[in-house]
N, C-alpha and C. Protein backbone atom coordinates (compact mmCIF):
# COMPACT_ATOMS: atom_id res chain seq x y z
N MET A 1 81.15 66.18 108.88
CA MET A 1 81.69 66.80 107.28
C MET A 1 82.36 68.04 107.63
N PRO A 2 83.56 68.57 107.29
CA PRO A 2 84.32 69.23 107.22
C PRO A 2 83.58 70.56 107.05
N ALA A 3 83.28 71.63 107.91
CA ALA A 3 83.18 72.87 107.64
C ALA A 3 83.07 73.20 106.06
N SER A 4 84.05 73.05 105.18
CA SER A 4 84.32 73.86 103.90
C SER A 4 83.39 73.31 102.86
N LEU A 5 83.52 71.68 103.52
CA LEU A 5 82.35 71.06 102.34
C LEU A 5 80.94 71.35 102.99
N LYS A 6 80.91 72.06 104.23
CA LYS A 6 78.90 72.16 104.61
C LYS A 6 78.52 73.55 103.69
N MET A 7 79.76 74.24 103.74
CA MET A 7 79.49 75.37 103.21
C MET A 7 79.36 75.36 101.55
N LEU A 8 80.16 74.84 100.57
CA LEU A 8 79.75 73.97 99.42
C LEU A 8 78.92 73.39 99.51
N PHE A 9 78.33 72.09 99.71
CA PHE A 9 76.78 71.99 99.90
C PHE A 9 76.23 73.30 100.27
N CYS A 10 76.11 74.26 100.81
CA CYS A 10 74.97 75.11 101.27
C CYS A 10 74.54 75.84 100.02
N ALA A 11 76.17 76.33 99.25
CA ALA A 11 75.67 77.41 98.23
C ALA A 11 75.84 76.12 97.16
N LEU A 12 76.39 75.55 96.94
CA LEU A 12 75.32 74.96 95.79
C LEU A 12 73.75 74.46 95.79
N LEU A 13 73.03 73.96 97.27
CA LEU A 13 71.72 74.05 97.29
C LEU A 13 70.96 75.64 96.77
N LEU A 14 72.03 76.33 97.36
CA LEU A 14 71.39 77.90 96.80
C LEU A 14 71.25 78.16 95.54
N LEU A 15 72.30 77.97 94.79
CA LEU A 15 72.41 77.77 93.80
C LEU A 15 71.80 77.36 92.87
N ALA A 16 71.25 75.63 93.64
CA ALA A 16 70.46 75.12 92.60
C ALA A 16 68.54 75.81 92.47
N GLY A 17 68.45 76.62 93.94
CA GLY A 17 67.40 77.10 93.81
C GLY A 17 67.32 78.13 93.62
N SER A 18 68.13 78.78 92.79
CA SER A 18 68.03 80.16 91.94
C SER A 18 67.84 80.15 90.23
N ALA A 19 68.42 78.70 90.08
CA ALA A 19 67.84 78.40 88.57
C ALA A 19 66.27 77.78 88.05
N GLN A 20 65.54 77.87 89.35
CA GLN A 20 64.25 76.99 88.95
C GLN A 20 63.26 77.81 87.88
N ALA A 21 63.11 76.83 87.19
CA ALA A 21 62.43 76.80 85.92
C ALA A 21 60.61 76.70 85.72
N ARG A 22 60.23 77.37 86.62
CA ARG A 22 58.82 76.65 86.64
C ARG A 22 58.50 77.76 84.96
N VAL A 23 57.02 77.58 85.07
CA VAL A 23 56.71 78.53 84.17
C VAL A 23 57.43 79.95 84.08
N PRO A 24 57.37 80.69 83.07
CA PRO A 24 57.57 81.83 82.95
C PRO A 24 56.43 82.92 83.85
N ASP A 25 57.10 83.50 84.66
CA ASP A 25 56.22 84.86 85.71
C ASP A 25 55.65 85.46 84.38
N GLY A 26 54.16 85.52 84.82
CA GLY A 26 52.76 86.05 84.26
C GLY A 26 52.25 85.47 82.90
N TRP A 27 52.95 84.35 82.93
CA TRP A 27 52.40 83.45 81.39
C TRP A 27 51.14 82.79 81.84
N PRO A 28 50.10 82.90 81.46
CA PRO A 28 48.77 81.67 81.78
C PRO A 28 48.90 80.37 81.46
N PHE A 29 50.32 79.75 81.63
CA PHE A 29 50.42 78.46 81.57
C PHE A 29 49.30 77.53 82.02
N VAL A 30 48.75 76.23 82.04
CA VAL A 30 48.24 75.66 82.87
C VAL A 30 48.42 73.66 82.52
N GLU A 31 48.48 72.83 83.31
CA GLU A 31 48.61 72.00 82.83
C GLU A 31 48.54 71.20 81.59
N TYR A 32 49.02 70.46 81.54
CA TYR A 32 48.96 69.56 79.31
C TYR A 32 47.49 69.60 79.40
N ASN A 33 47.67 68.24 80.42
CA ASN A 33 45.78 67.66 79.82
C ASN A 33 44.53 68.41 80.00
N GLU A 34 44.88 69.35 80.93
CA GLU A 34 43.79 70.47 81.15
C GLU A 34 43.49 71.75 79.38
N ALA A 35 44.79 72.08 79.34
CA ALA A 35 45.16 73.17 78.08
C ALA A 35 44.61 71.80 76.66
N VAL A 36 44.73 70.40 76.77
CA VAL A 36 43.98 69.70 75.46
C VAL A 36 42.47 69.86 75.38
N ARG A 37 42.36 69.93 76.79
CA ARG A 37 40.38 69.84 76.97
C ARG A 37 40.14 71.62 76.52
N ILE A 38 40.69 72.98 76.88
CA ILE A 38 40.66 73.98 76.56
C ILE A 38 41.05 74.13 75.11
N ALA A 39 41.63 73.96 74.86
CA ALA A 39 41.92 73.97 73.11
C ALA A 39 40.98 73.16 72.00
N LYS A 40 40.31 72.34 73.00
CA LYS A 40 39.07 71.41 72.62
C LYS A 40 37.98 72.55 71.74
N GLN A 41 37.64 72.94 73.48
CA GLN A 41 36.59 73.74 73.32
C GLN A 41 36.72 75.30 72.16
N THR A 42 38.01 75.78 72.62
CA THR A 42 38.29 76.93 72.32
C THR A 42 38.49 77.01 70.53
N ARG A 43 38.84 75.76 70.25
CA ARG A 43 39.34 75.84 68.51
C ARG A 43 40.21 76.52 68.30
N LYS A 44 41.36 76.55 69.69
CA LYS A 44 42.55 77.88 69.54
C LYS A 44 43.72 76.51 69.69
N PRO A 45 45.06 76.76 68.90
CA PRO A 45 45.93 76.45 69.28
C PRO A 45 46.57 76.30 70.10
N LEU A 46 47.53 74.81 70.49
CA LEU A 46 48.10 74.84 72.09
C LEU A 46 49.60 75.51 71.11
N PHE A 47 49.97 76.41 72.24
CA PHE A 47 52.02 76.69 72.16
C PHE A 47 52.13 75.13 73.64
N VAL A 48 52.61 74.23 73.55
CA VAL A 48 53.04 73.16 74.78
C VAL A 48 54.89 73.71 74.57
N TYR A 49 55.48 73.97 76.18
CA TYR A 49 56.05 74.39 76.72
C TYR A 49 57.01 73.02 77.53
N PHE A 50 57.53 72.24 76.86
CA PHE A 50 58.31 71.57 77.67
C PHE A 50 59.30 71.52 78.60
N GLY A 51 59.25 71.17 79.59
CA GLY A 51 60.76 71.88 80.89
C GLY A 51 60.50 71.23 81.99
N PHE A 52 61.17 71.39 83.06
CA PHE A 52 61.02 70.88 84.29
C PHE A 52 61.59 72.21 85.28
N GLU A 53 61.21 71.87 86.48
CA GLU A 53 61.44 72.46 87.89
C GLU A 53 62.78 72.88 88.08
N THR A 54 63.81 72.33 87.78
CA THR A 54 65.40 72.74 88.15
C THR A 54 66.07 73.13 86.71
N CYS A 55 64.87 73.25 85.16
CA CYS A 55 66.16 73.01 84.35
C CYS A 55 67.14 74.65 84.23
N PRO A 56 68.34 74.50 84.08
CA PRO A 56 68.76 75.98 84.23
C PRO A 56 68.61 76.21 82.73
N TYR A 57 68.48 75.31 81.50
CA TYR A 57 68.66 76.00 80.30
C TYR A 57 67.07 76.84 80.27
N CYS A 58 65.86 76.50 80.63
CA CYS A 58 64.49 76.63 80.57
C CYS A 58 64.99 77.97 81.70
N ALA A 59 65.07 78.52 82.94
CA ALA A 59 65.66 79.31 83.63
C ALA A 59 66.09 80.60 82.26
N TRP A 60 66.81 80.26 81.50
CA TRP A 60 67.06 81.02 80.53
C TRP A 60 66.29 81.96 80.18
N LEU A 61 65.73 80.97 79.13
CA LEU A 61 65.02 80.99 78.24
C LEU A 61 63.29 81.87 79.16
N ASN A 62 63.30 81.70 79.91
CA ASN A 62 62.03 82.41 80.66
C ASN A 62 62.39 84.00 80.90
N GLU A 63 64.24 83.81 81.21
CA GLU A 63 64.05 85.11 81.64
C GLU A 63 64.92 86.15 81.04
N HIS A 64 65.13 85.81 79.48
CA HIS A 64 66.16 86.43 78.92
C HIS A 64 65.19 86.42 77.50
N THR A 65 64.33 85.96 77.54
CA THR A 65 63.40 85.48 76.09
C THR A 65 62.03 85.77 76.51
N LEU A 66 61.15 84.71 77.40
CA LEU A 66 59.86 85.07 77.65
C LEU A 66 59.55 85.82 78.69
N SER A 67 60.34 86.55 79.50
CA SER A 67 60.28 87.53 80.53
C SER A 67 59.72 89.13 79.33
N PHE A 68 59.54 88.89 78.10
CA PHE A 68 58.90 90.19 77.65
C PHE A 68 57.45 90.21 77.14
N GLY A 69 56.77 90.67 77.56
CA GLY A 69 55.54 91.18 77.82
C GLY A 69 54.66 91.56 76.61
N THR A 70 55.05 91.50 75.60
CA THR A 70 54.56 91.69 74.14
C THR A 70 54.94 90.28 73.57
N LEU A 71 55.45 89.35 73.87
CA LEU A 71 55.71 87.86 73.52
C LEU A 71 54.20 87.73 74.32
N ARG A 72 54.72 87.61 75.59
CA ARG A 72 53.53 87.02 76.49
C ARG A 72 51.63 87.08 76.24
N SER A 73 51.63 88.62 76.03
CA SER A 73 50.27 89.18 75.70
C SER A 73 49.66 88.42 74.05
N ARG A 74 50.62 88.34 73.39
CA ARG A 74 50.76 88.01 71.77
C ARG A 74 50.11 86.23 72.11
N TYR A 75 51.12 85.48 72.61
CA TYR A 75 50.94 84.20 72.92
C TYR A 75 49.63 84.11 73.98
N SER A 76 49.19 84.56 74.92
CA SER A 76 47.99 84.40 76.05
C SER A 76 46.96 84.58 75.01
N GLU A 77 46.73 85.61 73.70
CA GLU A 77 45.72 86.03 72.80
C GLU A 77 45.92 84.66 72.06
N HIS A 78 46.18 84.00 71.24
CA HIS A 78 46.36 83.27 70.19
C HIS A 78 46.65 81.50 70.29
N TYR A 79 47.09 81.53 71.97
CA TYR A 79 47.14 79.57 72.27
C TYR A 79 46.12 79.58 73.24
N VAL A 80 46.44 78.36 73.70
CA VAL A 80 46.65 78.14 74.79
C VAL A 80 47.33 77.15 75.45
N LEU A 81 47.98 78.17 76.40
CA LEU A 81 49.45 77.83 76.82
C LEU A 81 49.58 76.23 77.73
N ALA A 82 49.92 75.43 77.41
CA ALA A 82 49.86 73.97 78.24
C ALA A 82 51.55 74.04 78.65
N TYR A 83 52.11 74.05 79.95
CA TYR A 83 53.47 73.38 80.21
C TYR A 83 52.89 71.81 80.37
N PHE A 84 53.87 71.40 80.03
CA PHE A 84 54.76 70.18 79.69
C PHE A 84 55.55 69.62 81.23
N ASP A 85 55.46 69.05 82.11
CA ASP A 85 56.78 68.69 83.14
C ASP A 85 57.15 67.95 82.74
N ILE A 86 58.30 67.40 82.02
CA ILE A 86 58.77 65.91 81.43
C ILE A 86 59.32 65.56 82.64
N ARG A 87 59.60 66.05 84.09
CA ARG A 87 59.66 65.09 85.01
C ARG A 87 58.42 64.86 86.24
N GLY A 88 57.17 65.25 85.57
CA GLY A 88 56.31 64.36 86.39
C GLY A 88 56.21 62.98 86.42
N ASN A 89 55.61 62.59 86.86
CA ASN A 89 55.72 61.32 87.46
C ASN A 89 55.24 60.73 85.70
N PRO A 90 56.06 59.45 85.63
CA PRO A 90 55.81 59.21 84.69
C PRO A 90 54.82 58.33 84.20
N ALA A 91 54.28 57.81 85.30
CA ALA A 91 53.16 57.01 85.29
C ALA A 91 52.15 57.70 84.92
N ASP A 92 51.56 59.03 85.19
CA ASP A 92 50.77 59.59 84.97
C ASP A 92 49.71 59.47 83.40
N VAL A 93 49.02 59.48 83.16
CA VAL A 93 48.22 59.57 82.09
C VAL A 93 47.94 60.78 81.42
N MET A 94 48.74 60.58 80.06
CA MET A 94 48.47 61.81 79.26
C MET A 94 47.08 61.86 78.55
N THR A 95 46.31 62.36 77.70
CA THR A 95 45.61 62.42 76.83
C THR A 95 45.94 64.08 76.02
N LEU A 96 46.30 63.21 74.64
CA LEU A 96 46.47 63.81 73.36
C LEU A 96 45.23 64.18 72.94
N PRO A 97 45.87 65.73 72.17
CA PRO A 97 44.55 66.23 71.61
C PRO A 97 43.80 64.87 70.66
N ASP A 98 43.91 64.44 70.23
CA ASP A 98 43.26 63.27 69.43
C ASP A 98 42.29 61.92 70.57
N GLY A 99 42.55 62.58 71.78
CA GLY A 99 41.68 61.68 72.57
C GLY A 99 42.83 60.40 73.04
N GLU A 100 44.02 60.14 72.87
CA GLU A 100 44.54 58.90 72.74
C GLU A 100 45.31 59.10 74.04
N GLN A 101 45.34 58.23 74.86
CA GLN A 101 45.65 58.64 76.31
C GLN A 101 47.23 57.13 76.20
N MET A 102 48.11 57.62 76.93
CA MET A 102 49.29 57.16 77.09
C MET A 102 49.82 57.80 78.86
N THR A 103 51.42 57.00 79.09
CA THR A 103 51.81 57.74 80.60
C THR A 103 52.44 58.70 79.85
N ARG A 104 52.95 59.41 81.14
CA ARG A 104 53.43 60.95 80.39
C ARG A 104 55.35 60.72 79.78
N GLY A 105 55.62 59.09 80.49
CA GLY A 105 56.89 58.72 79.52
C GLY A 105 56.55 58.73 78.17
N GLN A 106 55.47 57.87 77.74
CA GLN A 106 55.16 57.59 76.89
C GLN A 106 54.98 58.72 75.70
N ALA A 107 53.90 59.30 76.30
CA ALA A 107 54.22 61.19 75.64
C ALA A 107 55.62 61.96 75.42
N ILE A 108 56.00 61.74 76.33
CA ILE A 108 57.33 62.38 76.26
C ILE A 108 58.13 61.80 74.63
N ARG A 109 58.24 60.72 74.80
CA ARG A 109 58.78 60.13 73.79
C ARG A 109 58.07 60.57 72.23
N ARG A 110 57.02 60.45 72.42
CA ARG A 110 56.03 60.60 71.35
C ARG A 110 56.10 62.20 70.89
N LEU A 111 55.51 62.85 71.58
CA LEU A 111 55.67 64.38 70.87
C LEU A 111 56.96 64.88 71.53
N LYS A 112 58.26 64.35 71.45
CA LYS A 112 60.00 64.53 71.62
C LYS A 112 59.90 65.61 72.41
N GLY A 113 59.31 65.70 73.66
CA GLY A 113 59.50 66.97 74.46
C GLY A 113 60.90 66.81 75.28
N SER A 114 61.82 65.95 74.79
CA SER A 114 63.40 66.14 75.61
C SER A 114 64.31 65.57 74.86
N PRO A 115 65.18 66.34 74.76
CA PRO A 115 65.77 67.53 75.63
C PRO A 115 64.47 69.10 75.51
N VAL A 116 65.30 69.85 76.49
CA VAL A 116 64.61 70.84 77.37
C VAL A 116 65.68 72.02 77.01
N PRO A 117 65.04 73.53 76.88
CA PRO A 117 63.84 73.45 77.04
C PRO A 117 63.17 72.94 75.54
N ALA A 118 62.00 72.40 75.29
CA ALA A 118 61.70 72.81 73.95
C ALA A 118 60.08 73.08 74.00
N TRP A 119 59.66 73.43 72.53
CA TRP A 119 58.47 73.61 72.27
C TRP A 119 57.45 73.33 71.17
N ALA A 120 55.83 72.98 71.38
CA ALA A 120 55.87 72.74 70.34
C ALA A 120 54.59 73.87 69.56
N PHE A 121 53.52 73.89 68.67
CA PHE A 121 52.59 74.09 68.34
C PHE A 121 51.90 73.38 67.64
N VAL A 122 50.42 72.66 68.41
CA VAL A 122 49.63 71.95 68.23
C VAL A 122 48.06 72.60 67.87
N ALA A 123 47.85 72.04 66.69
CA ALA A 123 46.70 72.44 66.50
C ALA A 123 45.67 71.72 67.24
N PRO A 124 44.26 72.40 67.14
CA PRO A 124 43.58 71.63 68.33
C PRO A 124 43.08 70.12 68.22
N ASP A 125 43.29 69.54 66.82
CA ASP A 125 43.33 68.45 66.03
C ASP A 125 44.22 67.38 67.07
N GLY A 126 45.68 68.03 67.34
CA GLY A 126 46.61 67.10 67.22
C GLY A 126 47.78 67.33 66.15
N ARG A 127 47.18 67.96 65.53
CA ARG A 127 48.40 68.09 63.96
C ARG A 127 49.66 68.79 64.98
N GLU A 128 51.09 68.26 64.47
CA GLU A 128 51.75 69.37 64.78
C GLU A 128 52.22 70.61 63.80
N ILE A 129 52.22 71.72 63.87
CA ILE A 129 52.57 72.78 63.19
C ILE A 129 54.14 72.91 63.27
N LEU A 130 54.43 73.01 64.07
CA LEU A 130 56.19 73.33 64.05
C LEU A 130 56.74 72.99 65.71
N MET A 131 58.23 72.39 65.72
CA MET A 131 58.55 72.17 67.02
C MET A 131 59.53 72.97 67.10
N ARG A 132 60.13 73.72 68.11
CA ARG A 132 61.63 73.95 68.07
C ARG A 132 62.52 73.71 69.84
N ARG A 133 63.36 73.76 69.55
CA ARG A 133 64.30 73.67 71.01
C ARG A 133 65.15 74.84 71.30
N GLY A 134 65.59 75.35 72.26
CA GLY A 134 66.57 75.64 72.36
C GLY A 134 66.89 76.91 73.82
N SER A 135 67.26 76.96 74.44
CA SER A 135 67.40 78.42 75.66
C SER A 135 67.45 79.68 75.06
N ARG A 136 68.50 79.28 73.98
CA ARG A 136 68.90 81.16 73.70
C ARG A 136 67.89 81.38 72.37
N THR A 137 67.12 80.75 72.28
CA THR A 137 66.13 81.33 71.37
C THR A 137 65.14 83.20 71.56
N ARG A 138 65.94 83.38 70.80
CA ARG A 138 65.53 85.19 70.91
C ARG A 138 63.48 85.46 70.42
N VAL A 139 63.59 86.29 71.33
CA VAL A 139 61.88 87.04 70.86
C VAL A 139 61.49 87.28 69.79
N ASP A 140 62.43 87.42 68.93
CA ASP A 140 62.33 87.61 67.39
C ASP A 140 61.55 86.40 66.43
N ALA A 141 62.26 85.62 66.88
CA ALA A 141 62.10 84.33 66.53
C ALA A 141 61.25 83.68 67.07
N PHE A 142 60.02 83.76 68.65
CA PHE A 142 59.11 83.55 68.78
C PHE A 142 58.24 84.60 68.10
N MET A 143 58.21 85.48 67.64
CA MET A 143 57.42 86.27 67.13
C MET A 143 57.38 85.79 65.63
N LYS A 144 58.10 85.76 64.62
CA LYS A 144 58.45 84.54 63.50
C LYS A 144 57.11 82.93 63.59
N PHE A 145 57.37 82.71 64.40
CA PHE A 145 56.86 81.46 64.83
C PHE A 145 55.61 81.49 64.85
N ASP A 146 55.40 82.46 65.50
CA ASP A 146 53.79 82.98 65.84
C ASP A 146 53.31 83.61 64.45
N GLN A 147 53.58 84.36 63.72
CA GLN A 147 53.48 84.72 62.48
C GLN A 147 52.85 83.57 61.42
N TYR A 148 54.09 82.30 61.34
CA TYR A 148 53.80 81.66 60.50
C TYR A 148 52.36 80.71 60.91
N VAL A 149 52.09 80.75 62.08
CA VAL A 149 50.96 79.49 62.96
C VAL A 149 49.33 80.41 62.91
N MET A 150 49.66 81.56 62.77
CA MET A 150 48.49 82.88 62.62
C MET A 150 47.95 82.80 61.51
N SER A 151 49.04 82.65 60.48
CA SER A 151 48.88 82.60 58.60
C SER A 151 48.01 81.63 58.34
N GLY A 152 47.66 80.85 59.11
CA GLY A 152 46.96 79.39 58.60
C GLY A 152 48.01 78.80 57.14
N THR A 153 48.60 78.91 56.35
CA THR A 153 49.48 78.76 56.27
C THR A 153 50.25 77.16 55.88
N TRP A 154 50.10 77.19 57.26
CA TRP A 154 51.09 75.89 57.42
C TRP A 154 50.56 74.11 57.23
N PRO A 155 49.27 74.12 57.07
CA PRO A 155 49.49 72.67 56.23
C PRO A 155 49.69 72.86 54.95
N GLN A 156 49.82 73.55 54.58
CA GLN A 156 50.65 73.45 53.29
C GLN A 156 52.00 74.23 52.83
N THR A 157 52.45 74.98 53.97
CA THR A 157 53.49 75.71 53.43
C THR A 157 54.77 74.70 54.53
N SER A 158 56.19 74.83 54.67
CA SER A 158 56.65 74.20 55.60
C SER A 158 57.20 75.83 56.64
N PHE A 159 57.54 76.06 57.83
CA PHE A 159 57.99 77.31 58.17
C PHE A 159 59.13 78.09 57.22
N GLU A 160 60.15 77.08 57.01
CA GLU A 160 61.14 77.54 56.31
C GLU A 160 60.33 78.18 54.79
N ASP A 161 59.75 77.24 54.44
CA ASP A 161 58.92 77.90 53.00
C ASP A 161 58.18 79.33 53.05
N TYR A 162 57.68 79.19 54.24
CA TYR A 162 56.56 80.91 54.92
C TYR A 162 57.94 81.65 54.41
N LEU A 163 59.06 81.47 55.31
CA LEU A 163 60.16 82.57 55.68
C LEU A 163 60.90 83.19 54.38
N ALA A 164 61.12 81.85 53.72
CA ALA A 164 61.91 82.42 52.73
C ALA A 164 60.63 82.94 51.79
N GLN A 165 59.73 82.83 51.40
CA GLN A 165 58.55 83.75 50.78
C GLN A 165 58.15 84.87 51.28
N ARG A 166 58.48 85.28 52.30
CA ARG A 166 58.85 86.75 52.81
C ARG A 166 60.10 87.20 52.66
N GLY A 167 61.03 86.72 52.04
CA GLY A 167 62.72 87.00 52.31
C GLY A 167 62.91 87.28 53.72
N LEU A 168 62.57 86.39 54.83
CA LEU A 168 63.46 86.12 55.78
C LEU A 168 63.94 84.68 56.18
N ARG A 169 64.65 84.54 56.93
CA ARG A 169 64.33 83.22 57.24
C ARG A 169 64.76 83.18 58.76
N GLU A 170 65.22 81.88 59.07
CA GLU A 170 64.89 81.61 60.74
C GLU A 170 66.39 81.97 61.58
N ASP A 171 66.19 82.38 62.73
CA ASP A 171 67.49 82.84 62.91
C ASP A 171 68.37 81.51 64.36
N LYS A 172 69.47 81.41 63.69
CA LYS A 172 70.27 80.39 63.99
C LYS A 172 70.80 80.92 65.45
N VAL A 173 71.03 80.56 66.49
CA VAL A 173 71.61 80.78 67.69
C VAL A 173 72.93 79.98 67.50
N GLU A 174 74.08 80.92 67.49
CA GLU A 174 74.80 80.08 67.51
C GLU A 174 75.73 80.18 68.94
């Protein structure tokens, strides 16, 4: 292999290593199955973050939005934080909040966890409260998601109606 090609290969490996997207620093995320168990015990809603280790879009979200301490504190207090690795072993058994078991691959499809980054707010009984995705989602949007979920109005009111009733609108990334 020519030296220039070796250097290019090494540079690409270093670049790939710098775009690692594990769980955001300082967030007490736990593996999905464990989070479901904790949510049932504590009766707290789940905040499920769908991603994978080398996802550059997840790395962007982690660095530019999920790095804010205020957001981390608020979400750590209000939710059981679940990380769902969509690149994990597709045959792993996942247990949904309602007790149904399926493979990771089946759960990704059922929970609409791809493309990433994606996140869902889920009631302890398994009802989906709200799902969104996007690497450029701002802190303000995550604060609005939290206000909606914590308001307890979600069983009767859509997120869009909740915002409209308060003279707000959802932040759309351009």
